[in-house]
Amino acid sequence: MQSTSLSCVTFPLFILFPQQSGLYEYKIFGGLADVPPKLCADVYMDLDFRKEWDQYVKELYEETYDGEKVIYWEVKYPFPLSNRDYVYIRECREMDVQGRKIWVVLAKSVAVPQCPEKPGIIRVKSYKQSLVIESDGKAGCKVYMYYFDNPGGMIPTWLVNWAAKSGVPAFLKDIQKACLNYSKTRGC
């Protein structure tokens, strides 16, 4: 387990290494002290805004295919690795559980003939994510996230270590900043 603490952000990061698959899974529990839960959910779901704050987004859009909203997301990988892309569906539900408002976001990869693989980009065919956001009882929110993907190809150990030690905490810091800027840029 790795724990990280940023200004107004506290998250223990659990990295699971299942023996059968040999791939990492990530579980994150924590809170954003100055970010209300609805704001966090709105920022997370806003693809256009993500293009502004997430430096790793190369391409990101949502299309409807056969009545289902599908997201295409190309992620920049560091040289000399090839970029990865994802084709997935996701859903966000605002729930009332015993008087508590809870936002649940579920996402998983799908195969869609209208989104064929692109040359030079490795398609992530196995991706799933669960995100739960609720109030911390004050001005912020508590967050739980489970994340798994199979990035394909040969990922060097240094990149896996970078993702665990630097990438995830940096993403959390970026999303916190994005939440704080969202109100200013979106007039919320």
Protein backbone atom coordinates (compact mmCIF):
# COMPACT_ATOMS: atom_id res chain seq x y z
CA MET A 1 0.00 0.00 0.00
CA GLN A 2 1.13 3.51 -0.76
CA SER A 3 -0.32 6.58 0.89
CA THR A 4 -0.19 10.09 -0.45
CA SER A 5 -1.25 13.42 0.98
CA LEU A 6 -1.57 16.59 -1.05
CA SER A 7 -2.86 20.01 -0.03
CA CYS A 8 -6.49 19.33 0.95
CA VAL A 9 -6.23 15.84 -0.60
CA THR A 10 -5.63 12.64 1.34
CA PHE A 11 -5.69 9.27 -0.40
CA PRO A 12 -4.26 5.90 0.52
CA LEU A 13 -3.46 4.06 -2.70
CA PHE A 14 -3.79 0.29 -2.65
CA ILE A 15 -2.05 -1.53 -5.46
CA LEU A 16 -3.18 -5.10 -5.90
CA PHE A 17 -1.17 -7.58 -7.91
CA PRO A 18 -3.37 -10.58 -8.66
CA GLN A 19 -1.22 -13.63 -9.23
CA GLN A 20 -3.39 -15.07 -12.02
CA SER A 21 -3.50 -12.08 -14.35
CA GLY A 22 -0.18 -10.46 -13.49
CA LEU A 23 -1.81 -7.04 -13.94
CA TYR A 24 -2.22 -4.29 -11.40
CA GLU A 25 -5.52 -3.10 -9.94
CA TYR A 26 -5.81 0.16 -8.04
CA LYS A 27 -8.11 1.04 -5.15
CA ILE A 28 -8.14 4.55 -3.79
CA PHE A 29 -10.00 5.79 -0.70
CA GLY A 30 -9.89 9.36 0.48
CA GLY A 31 -11.25 12.84 0.33
CA LEU A 32 -11.07 16.25 -1.24
CA ALA A 33 -11.54 18.62 1.69
CA ASP A 34 -12.66 21.65 -0.31
CA VAL A 35 -14.60 20.00 -3.15
CA PRO A 36 -18.36 19.33 -2.77
CA PRO A 37 -19.43 15.90 -4.07
CA LYS A 38 -21.69 17.18 -6.86
CA LEU A 39 -18.87 19.38 -8.16
CA CYS A 40 -16.47 16.42 -8.14
CA ALA A 41 -19.00 14.28 -10.06
CA ASP A 42 -19.67 17.08 -12.56
CA VAL A 43 -15.95 17.58 -13.24
CA TYR A 44 -15.39 13.85 -13.60
CA MET A 45 -18.23 13.51 -16.12
CA ASP A 46 -17.41 16.62 -18.20
CA LEU A 47 -15.34 15.33 -21.13
CA ASP A 48 -14.87 18.76 -22.73
CA PHE A 49 -13.49 20.16 -19.49
CA ARG A 50 -11.19 17.16 -19.05
CA LYS A 51 -9.50 18.06 -22.33
CA GLU A 52 -8.56 21.37 -20.70
CA TRP A 53 -7.02 20.05 -17.48
CA ASP A 54 -5.74 16.52 -18.23
CA GLN A 55 -2.38 16.80 -20.00
CA TYR A 56 -2.49 13.15 -21.06
CA VAL A 57 -5.65 13.47 -23.17
CA LYS A 58 -4.81 13.35 -26.87
CA GLU A 59 -8.37 12.78 -28.09
CA LEU A 60 -11.63 12.42 -26.16
CA TYR A 61 -15.22 12.44 -27.35
CA GLU A 62 -18.59 10.78 -26.91
CA GLU A 63 -20.69 9.38 -29.77
CA THR A 64 -23.95 7.46 -29.88
CA TYR A 65 -23.80 4.11 -31.64
CA ASP A 66 -26.90 1.90 -31.86
CA GLY A 67 -28.59 4.00 -29.16
CA GLU A 68 -25.69 3.69 -26.70
CA LYS A 69 -23.34 6.51 -25.67
CA VAL A 70 -19.76 5.39 -26.24
CA ILE A 71 -16.60 7.27 -25.27
CA TYR A 72 -13.38 7.25 -27.28
CA TRP A 73 -10.28 8.30 -25.31
CA GLU A 74 -6.70 8.38 -26.57
CA VAL A 75 -4.08 8.72 -23.85
CA LYS A 76 -0.59 10.11 -24.46
CA TYR A 77 2.13 7.74 -23.27
CA PRO A 78 5.75 8.80 -22.75
CA PHE A 79 8.28 8.14 -25.52
CA PRO A 80 9.17 5.49 -26.66
CA LEU A 81 5.85 3.82 -25.78
CA SER A 82 2.84 3.90 -28.07
CA ASN A 83 -0.25 5.83 -27.04
CA ARG A 84 -3.19 3.79 -25.77
CA ASP A 85 -6.83 4.27 -26.62
CA TYR A 86 -10.01 3.21 -24.88
CA VAL A 87 -13.52 2.66 -26.16
CA TYR A 88 -15.92 2.41 -23.26
CA ILE A 89 -19.36 3.07 -21.87
CA ARG A 90 -20.04 4.77 -18.56
CA GLU A 91 -22.97 5.76 -16.47
CA CYS A 92 -23.37 8.16 -13.58
CA ARG A 93 -26.19 7.81 -11.08
CA GLU A 94 -27.07 10.11 -8.23
CA MET A 95 -28.52 7.96 -5.48
CA ASP A 96 -30.21 8.55 -2.15
CA VAL A 97 -29.06 5.94 0.35
CA GLN A 98 -30.63 6.36 3.79
CA GLY A 99 -30.74 10.13 3.36
CA ARG A 100 -27.20 10.39 1.98
CA LYS A 101 -26.60 11.57 -1.59
CA ILE A 102 -24.10 9.34 -3.32
CA TRP A 103 -22.79 9.62 -6.90
CA VAL A 104 -21.80 6.35 -8.55
CA VAL A 105 -19.92 6.22 -11.86
CA LEU A 106 -19.35 2.88 -13.57
CA ALA A 107 -17.29 2.44 -16.74
CA LYS A 108 -16.16 -0.56 -18.78
CA SER A 109 -14.58 -1.20 -22.13
CA VAL A 110 -16.70 -2.25 -25.09
CA ALA A 111 -16.02 -3.34 -28.65
CA VAL A 112 -17.75 -1.09 -31.18
CA PRO A 113 -17.31 -1.67 -34.93
CA GLN A 114 -17.64 2.08 -35.56
CA CYS A 115 -14.44 2.67 -33.51
CA PRO A 116 -11.82 0.47 -35.17
CA GLU A 117 -8.28 0.28 -33.87
CA LYS A 118 -5.91 2.93 -35.23
CA PRO A 119 -2.43 2.17 -36.56
CA GLY A 120 0.34 2.96 -34.06
CA ILE A 121 -2.04 3.11 -31.07
CA ILE A 122 -2.57 0.16 -28.74
CA ARG A 123 -6.24 -0.48 -27.91
CA VAL A 124 -6.97 -1.15 -24.23
CA LYS A 125 -9.51 -3.93 -24.54
CA SER A 126 -9.95 -4.65 -20.85
CA TYR A 127 -10.84 -1.61 -18.73
CA LYS A 128 -13.18 -1.14 -15.79
CA GLN A 129 -13.63 1.58 -13.25
CA SER A 130 -15.97 2.25 -10.36
CA LEU A 131 -16.16 5.62 -8.64
CA VAL A 132 -18.24 6.52 -5.59
CA ILE A 133 -18.45 10.08 -4.29
CA GLU A 134 -20.30 11.37 -1.22
CA SER A 135 -20.20 14.28 1.18
CA ASP A 136 -17.64 14.21 3.96
CA GLY A 137 -20.20 15.95 6.20
CA LYS A 138 -18.40 19.26 5.83
CA ALA A 139 -17.53 21.23 2.67
CA GLY A 140 -15.77 18.40 0.85
CA CYS A 141 -16.25 14.87 -0.39
CA LYS A 142 -15.16 11.32 0.24
CA VAL A 143 -14.09 9.29 -2.77
CA TYR A 144 -13.62 5.60 -3.46
CA MET A 145 -12.23 4.47 -6.82
CA TYR A 146 -11.44 1.04 -8.21
CA TYR A 147 -9.48 0.99 -11.47
CA PHE A 148 -8.21 -1.78 -13.70
CA ASP A 149 -6.95 -1.88 -17.25
CA ASN A 150 -4.77 -4.09 -19.35
CA PRO A 151 -2.66 -1.60 -21.31
CA GLY A 152 -1.36 -4.26 -23.69
CA GLY A 153 2.15 -4.41 -25.04
CA MET A 154 5.22 -4.67 -22.87
CA ILE A 155 5.11 -2.05 -20.13
CA PRO A 156 8.50 -1.58 -18.47
CA THR A 157 8.78 -1.83 -14.70
CA TRP A 158 9.84 1.82 -14.46
CA LEU A 159 6.51 2.92 -15.96
CA VAL A 160 4.50 0.75 -13.58
CA ASN A 161 6.46 2.23 -10.68
CA TRP A 162 5.97 5.75 -12.06
CA ALA A 163 2.20 5.23 -12.30
CA ALA A 164 2.00 3.96 -8.75
CA LYS A 165 4.29 6.53 -7.16
CA SER A 166 3.79 9.61 -9.33
CA GLY A 167 1.01 9.24 -11.87
CA VAL A 168 -1.90 8.52 -9.56
CA PRO A 169 -1.03 11.22 -6.97
CA ALA A 170 -0.43 13.70 -9.81
CA PHE A 171 -3.84 12.84 -11.29
CA LEU A 172 -5.48 13.42 -7.90
CA LYS A 173 -3.80 16.79 -7.57
CA ASP A 174 -4.87 17.67 -11.13
CA ILE A 175 -8.50 16.71 -10.52
CA GLN A 176 -8.53 18.74 -7.31
CA LYS A 177 -7.28 21.80 -9.22
CA ALA A 178 -9.80 21.10 -11.97
CA CYS A 179 -12.63 21.02 -9.44
CA LEU A 180 -11.53 24.34 -7.96
CA ASN A 181 -11.29 25.90 -11.46
CA TYR A 182 -14.55 24.40 -12.75
CA SER A 183 -16.72 26.81 -10.79
CA LYS A 184 -14.79 29.76 -12.19
CA THR A 185 -14.81 28.65 -15.82
CA ARG A 186 -18.33 27.18 -15.91
CA GLY A 187 -20.11 29.85 -13.86
CA CYS A 188 -21.21 27.40 -11.17
